[in-house]
Amino acid sequence: MVDRLEHLLQTKNLSASQLADETGIQRSIMSHVMNGRNKASLDFVLRILKRFKDINPDWLLLGRGSMIRDNDLFNQEQSEAMESVKKENQELKQQNEQLQQTIQKLHREKEEIANTPAREVSSPAGDNSSEIGATDEDPPEYGYRRTPSKAIQTIVALYNDGTFREYQKS
């Protein structure tokens, strides 16, 4: 590995102490590895690979392949595409959380409405004199014949903004 480190230093036009400073490796450790006194640790190798992303790990560790990574595997376009996908994924997660919150809010509103007793509502024409407070004893309106087997259980009011209100017979 020492010969490969020396080749790296020559290629990058660095001294051993500059490489140590740039990678955060102690100069004494760099000296021991370069002189063959100690073998390079995993942390040592990872720091070099992190600093020089274009260096082929197989070359540095095993002496196989070329010193520089194959550009087909790790090119700038793929890196940018990966970042774009990560950003889009994050946006989708945020949208999903917002939708889940909206669904929970709608469920709470539905339960509130279901637990709210029916109340009198003004007529659609705005004529407050004819308020609706129907009971089973009221005569049927609009010519419909009331039968004892049919009784109103629920009235649903649909609003033009897409919301609704449900009134249950109590």
C-alpha atoms as a PDB file:
ATOM      1  CA  MET A   1       0.000   0.000   0.000  1.00  0.00           C
ATOM      2  CA  VAL A   2       2.928   2.333   0.639  1.00  0.00           C
ATOM      3  CA  ASP A   3       3.798   2.450  -3.072  1.00  0.00           C
ATOM      4  CA  ARG A   4       0.185   3.288  -3.933  1.00  0.00           C
ATOM      5  CA  LEU A   5       0.148   6.068  -1.323  1.00  0.00           C
ATOM      6  CA  GLU A   6       3.353   7.470  -2.803  1.00  0.00           C
ATOM      7  CA  HIS A   7       1.806   7.341  -6.279  1.00  0.00           C
ATOM      8  CA  LEU A   8      -1.259   9.161  -4.899  1.00  0.00           C
ATOM      9  CA  LEU A   9       0.933  11.847  -3.358  1.00  0.00           C
ATOM     10  CA  GLN A  10       2.790  12.353  -6.660  1.00  0.00           C
ATOM     11  CA  THR A  11      -0.419  12.461  -8.691  1.00  0.00           C
ATOM     12  CA  LYS A  12      -2.117  14.935  -6.355  1.00  0.00           C
ATOM     13  CA  ASN A  13       1.141  16.895  -5.931  1.00  0.00           C
ATOM     14  CA  LEU A  14       1.075  16.633  -2.134  1.00  0.00           C
ATOM     15  CA  SER A  15       3.530  15.855   0.628  1.00  0.00           C
ATOM     16  CA  ALA A  16       2.744  13.258   3.302  1.00  0.00           C
ATOM     17  CA  SER A  17       2.167  16.000   5.879  1.00  0.00           C
ATOM     18  CA  GLN A  18      -0.218  17.853   3.509  1.00  0.00           C
ATOM     19  CA  LEU A  19      -2.153  14.622   2.942  1.00  0.00           C
ATOM     20  CA  ALA A  20      -2.332  14.117   6.713  1.00  0.00           C
ATOM     21  CA  ASP A  21      -3.630  17.651   7.224  1.00  0.00           C
ATOM     22  CA  GLU A  22      -6.223  17.390   4.431  1.00  0.00           C
ATOM     23  CA  THR A  23      -7.580  14.066   5.655  1.00  0.00           C
ATOM     24  CA  GLY A  24      -7.437  14.747   9.392  1.00  0.00           C
ATOM     25  CA  ILE A  25      -4.930  11.962   9.978  1.00  0.00           C
ATOM     26  CA  GLN A  26      -2.230  12.625  12.571  1.00  0.00           C
ATOM     27  CA  ARG A  27       1.131  13.319  10.972  1.00  0.00           C
ATOM     28  CA  SER A  28       2.825  10.700  13.140  1.00  0.00           C
ATOM     29  CA  ILE A  29       0.375   8.018  11.968  1.00  0.00           C
ATOM     30  CA  MET A  30       0.929   9.078   8.351  1.00  0.00           C
ATOM     31  CA  SER A  31       4.692   8.830   8.879  1.00  0.00           C
ATOM     32  CA  HIS A  32       4.435   5.360  10.460  1.00  0.00           C
ATOM     33  CA  VAL A  33       2.291   4.062   7.580  1.00  0.00           C
ATOM     34  CA  MET A  34       4.531   5.621   4.897  1.00  0.00           C
ATOM     35  CA  ASN A  35       7.667   4.138   6.516  1.00  0.00           C
ATOM     36  CA  GLY A  36       6.074   0.688   6.809  1.00  0.00           C
ATOM     37  CA  ARG A  37       6.192   0.674  10.591  1.00  0.00           C
ATOM     38  CA  ASN A  38       2.377   0.374  10.863  1.00  0.00           C
ATOM     39  CA  LYS A  39      -0.255  -0.869   8.489  1.00  0.00           C
ATOM     40  CA  ALA A  40      -3.017   1.487   7.416  1.00  0.00           C
ATOM     41  CA  SER A  41      -6.170   1.190   9.512  1.00  0.00           C
ATOM     42  CA  LEU A  42      -9.664   1.176   8.099  1.00  0.00           C
ATOM     43  CA  ASP A  43     -10.151   4.721   9.410  1.00  0.00           C
ATOM     44  CA  PHE A  44      -6.964   5.774   7.617  1.00  0.00           C
ATOM     45  CA  VAL A  45      -8.167   4.372   4.289  1.00  0.00           C
ATOM     46  CA  LEU A  46     -11.707   5.743   4.694  1.00  0.00           C
ATOM     47  CA  ARG A  47     -10.391   9.243   5.381  1.00  0.00           C
ATOM     48  CA  ILE A  48      -8.329   9.159   2.185  1.00  0.00           C
ATOM     49  CA  LEU A  49     -11.270   7.847   0.154  1.00  0.00           C
ATOM     50  CA  LYS A  50     -13.589  10.461   1.666  1.00  0.00           C
ATOM     51  CA  ARG A  51     -11.171  13.284   0.788  1.00  0.00           C
ATOM     52  CA  PHE A  52     -10.410  11.958  -2.719  1.00  0.00           C
ATOM     53  CA  LYS A  53     -13.710  10.661  -4.044  1.00  0.00           C
ATOM     54  CA  ASP A  54     -12.169   9.923  -7.444  1.00  0.00           C
ATOM     55  CA  ILE A  55      -9.771   7.295  -6.027  1.00  0.00           C
ATOM     56  CA  ASN A  56     -10.711   3.690  -6.717  1.00  0.00           C
ATOM     57  CA  PRO A  57     -10.965   1.798  -3.373  1.00  0.00           C
ATOM     58  CA  ASP A  58      -9.905  -1.481  -5.044  1.00  0.00           C
ATOM     59  CA  TRP A  59      -6.748   0.183  -6.292  1.00  0.00           C
ATOM     60  CA  LEU A  60      -5.903   1.758  -2.935  1.00  0.00           C
ATOM     61  CA  LEU A  61      -6.575  -1.370  -0.862  1.00  0.00           C
ATOM     62  CA  LEU A  62      -5.634  -4.202  -3.221  1.00  0.00           C
ATOM     63  CA  GLY A  63      -3.738  -2.667  -6.113  1.00  0.00           C
ATOM     64  CA  ARG A  64      -6.420  -3.798  -8.594  1.00  0.00           C
ATOM     65  CA  GLY A  65      -7.728  -1.660 -11.436  1.00  0.00           C
ATOM     66  CA  SER A  66      -6.835   1.928 -12.184  1.00  0.00           C
ATOM     67  CA  MET A  67      -6.153   4.588  -9.580  1.00  0.00           C
ATOM     68  CA  ILE A  68      -9.068   6.751 -10.717  1.00  0.00           C
ATOM     69  CA  ARG A  69     -12.603   5.428 -10.459  1.00  0.00           C
ATOM     70  CA  ASP A  70     -14.446   4.523 -13.625  1.00  0.00           C
ATOM     71  CA  ASN A  71     -16.479   7.619 -14.516  1.00  0.00           C
ATOM     72  CA  ASP A  72     -19.336   5.473 -15.811  1.00  0.00           C
ATOM     73  CA  LEU A  73     -20.048   4.296 -12.269  1.00  0.00           C
ATOM     74  CA  PHE A  74     -19.724   7.535 -10.331  1.00  0.00           C
ATOM     75  CA  ASN A  75     -20.346  10.498 -12.563  1.00  0.00           C
ATOM     76  CA  GLN A  76     -21.745  13.899 -11.700  1.00  0.00           C
ATOM     77  CA  GLU A  77     -25.055  13.325 -13.519  1.00  0.00           C
ATOM     78  CA  GLN A  78     -25.865  10.250 -11.450  1.00  0.00           C
ATOM     79  CA  SER A  79     -25.003  12.081  -8.262  1.00  0.00           C
ATOM     80  CA  GLU A  80     -27.267  14.987  -9.206  1.00  0.00           C
ATOM     81  CA  ALA A  81     -30.061  12.591 -10.214  1.00  0.00           C
ATOM     82  CA  MET A  82     -29.767  10.846  -6.844  1.00  0.00           C
ATOM     83  CA  GLU A  83     -30.023  14.181  -5.027  1.00  0.00           C
ATOM     84  CA  SER A  84     -33.068  15.081  -7.096  1.00  0.00           C
ATOM     85  CA  VAL A  85     -34.745  11.793  -6.204  1.00  0.00           C
ATOM     86  CA  LYS A  86     -33.950  12.318  -2.508  1.00  0.00           C
ATOM     87  CA  LYS A  87     -35.425  15.829  -2.619  1.00  0.00           C
ATOM     88  CA  GLU A  88     -38.560  14.618  -4.394  1.00  0.00           C
ATOM     89  CA  ASN A  89     -38.907  11.788  -1.872  1.00  0.00           C
ATOM     90  CA  GLN A  90     -38.696  14.283   0.994  1.00  0.00           C
ATOM     91  CA  GLU A  91     -41.380  16.467  -0.625  1.00  0.00           C
ATOM     92  CA  LEU A  92     -43.650  13.433  -1.050  1.00  0.00           C
ATOM     93  CA  LYS A  93     -43.166  12.521   2.616  1.00  0.00           C
ATOM     94  CA  GLN A  94     -44.200  16.045   3.630  1.00  0.00           C
ATOM     95  CA  GLN A  95     -47.278  15.895   1.386  1.00  0.00           C
ATOM     96  CA  ASN A  96     -48.170  12.510   2.851  1.00  0.00           C
ATOM     97  CA  GLU A  97     -47.906  13.890   6.396  1.00  0.00           C
ATOM     98  CA  GLN A  98     -50.155  16.825   5.446  1.00  0.00           C
ATOM     99  CA  LEU A  99     -52.716  14.455   3.941  1.00  0.00           C
ATOM    100  CA  GLN A 100     -52.656  12.272   7.048  1.00  0.00           C
ATOM    101  CA  GLN A 101     -53.251  15.343   9.227  1.00  0.00           C
ATOM    102  CA  THR A 102     -56.152  16.423   6.997  1.00  0.00           C
ATOM    103  CA  ILE A 103     -57.704  12.944   7.186  1.00  0.00           C
ATOM    104  CA  GLN A 104     -57.392  12.924  10.975  1.00  0.00           C
ATOM    105  CA  LYS A 105     -58.992  16.379  11.136  1.00  0.00           C
ATOM    106  CA  LEU A 106     -61.884  15.235   8.943  1.00  0.00           C
ATOM    107  CA  HIS A 107     -62.413  12.167  11.131  1.00  0.00           C
ATOM    108  CA  ARG A 108     -62.512  14.358  14.247  1.00  0.00           C
ATOM    109  CA  GLU A 109     -64.988  16.734  12.600  1.00  0.00           C
ATOM    110  CA  LYS A 110     -67.159  13.803  11.527  1.00  0.00           C
ATOM    111  CA  GLU A 111     -67.222  12.476  15.094  1.00  0.00           C
ATOM    112  CA  GLU A 112     -68.080  15.950  16.426  1.00  0.00           C
ATOM    113  CA  ILE A 113     -70.919  16.251  13.934  1.00  0.00           C
ATOM    114  CA  ALA A 114     -72.192  12.766  14.746  1.00  0.00           C
ATOM    115  CA  ASN A 115     -72.219  13.652  18.440  1.00  0.00           C
ATOM    116  CA  THR A 116     -73.932  17.006  17.877  1.00  0.00           C
ATOM    117  CA  PRO A 117     -77.716  16.849  18.372  1.00  0.00           C
ATOM    118  CA  ALA A 118     -79.926  18.035  15.506  1.00  0.00           C
ATOM    119  CA  ARG A 119     -80.906  21.694  15.756  1.00  0.00           C
ATOM    120  CA  GLU A 120     -83.281  23.983  14.002  1.00  0.00           C
ATOM    121  CA  VAL A 121     -82.076  25.318  10.675  1.00  0.00           C
ATOM    122  CA  SER A 122     -83.456  28.300   8.748  1.00  0.00           C
ATOM    123  CA  SER A 123     -85.142  27.663   5.415  1.00  0.00           C
ATOM    124  CA  PRO A 124     -83.047  27.943   2.242  1.00  0.00           C
ATOM    125  CA  ALA A 125     -85.007  31.015   1.106  1.00  0.00           C
ATOM    126  CA  GLY A 126     -83.919  32.835   4.234  1.00  0.00           C
ATOM    127  CA  ASP A 127     -87.455  33.001   5.561  1.00  0.00           C
ATOM    128  CA  ASN A 128     -86.893  32.491   9.269  1.00  0.00           C
ATOM    129  CA  SER A 129     -90.595  32.343   9.964  1.00  0.00           C
ATOM    130  CA  SER A 130     -90.843  28.773   8.680  1.00  0.00           C
ATOM    131  CA  GLU A 131     -88.142  27.048  10.680  1.00  0.00           C
ATOM    132  CA  ILE A 132     -87.610  23.330  10.328  1.00  0.00           C
ATOM    133  CA  GLY A 133     -88.137  21.380  13.490  1.00  0.00           C
ATOM    134  CA  ALA A 134     -89.886  18.347  12.100  1.00  0.00           C
ATOM    135  CA  THR A 135     -91.420  15.787  14.384  1.00  0.00           C
ATOM    136  CA  ASP A 136     -93.130  12.514  13.609  1.00  0.00           C
ATOM    137  CA  GLU A 137     -96.489  14.197  14.153  1.00  0.00           C
ATOM    138  CA  ASP A 138     -95.995  16.877  11.457  1.00  0.00           C
ATOM    139  CA  PRO A 139     -98.000  16.351   8.290  1.00  0.00           C
ATOM    140  CA  PRO A 140     -95.931  15.378   5.249  1.00  0.00           C
ATOM    141  CA  GLU A 141     -95.016  18.154   2.829  1.00  0.00           C
ATOM    142  CA  TYR A 142     -94.855  18.273  -0.973  1.00  0.00           C
ATOM    143  CA  GLY A 143     -97.519  15.638  -1.469  1.00  0.00           C
ATOM    144  CA  TYR A 144     -95.523  12.747  -0.078  1.00  0.00           C
ATOM    145  CA  ARG A 145     -97.430  10.272   1.970  1.00  0.00           C
ATOM    146  CA  ARG A 146     -95.835   9.377   5.227  1.00  0.00           C
ATOM    147  CA  THR A 147     -95.696   5.747   6.146  1.00  0.00           C
ATOM    148  CA  PRO A 148     -95.000   4.519   9.641  1.00  0.00           C
ATOM    149  CA  SER A 149     -92.160   2.277   8.413  1.00  0.00           C
ATOM    150  CA  LYS A 150     -90.121   5.221   7.116  1.00  0.00           C
ATOM    151  CA  ALA A 151     -88.635   7.717   9.529  1.00  0.00           C
ATOM    152  CA  ILE A 152     -85.801  10.170   9.011  1.00  0.00           C
ATOM    153  CA  GLN A 153     -82.591   9.050  10.677  1.00  0.00           C
ATOM    154  CA  THR A 154     -79.955  11.321   9.155  1.00  0.00           C
ATOM    155  CA  ILE A 155     -79.928  14.588   7.241  1.00  0.00           C
ATOM    156  CA  VAL A 156     -76.786  15.531   5.361  1.00  0.00           C
ATOM    157  CA  ALA A 157     -76.142  19.119   4.257  1.00  0.00           C
ATOM    158  CA  LEU A 158     -73.621  19.445   1.416  1.00  0.00           C
ATOM    159  CA  TYR A 159     -71.878  22.807   1.025  1.00  0.00           C
ATOM    160  CA  ASN A 160     -70.391  24.203  -2.177  1.00  0.00           C
ATOM    161  CA  ASP A 161     -66.882  24.242  -0.677  1.00  0.00           C
ATOM    162  CA  GLY A 162     -66.902  20.429  -0.542  1.00  0.00           C
ATOM    163  CA  THR A 163     -67.669  20.137   3.164  1.00  0.00           C
ATOM    164  CA  PHE A 164     -70.750  18.593   4.690  1.00  0.00           C
ATOM    165  CA  ARG A 165     -72.599  18.470   7.950  1.00  0.00           C
ATOM    166  CA  GLU A 166     -74.494  15.427   9.152  1.00  0.00           C
ATOM    167  CA  TYR A 167     -77.463  15.676  11.514  1.00  0.00           C
ATOM    168  CA  GLN A 168     -78.552  12.566  13.402  1.00  0.00           C
ATOM    169  CA  LYS A 169     -81.958  12.054  14.935  1.00  0.00           C
ATOM    170  CA  SER A 170     -81.495  11.998  18.691  1.00  0.00           C
END
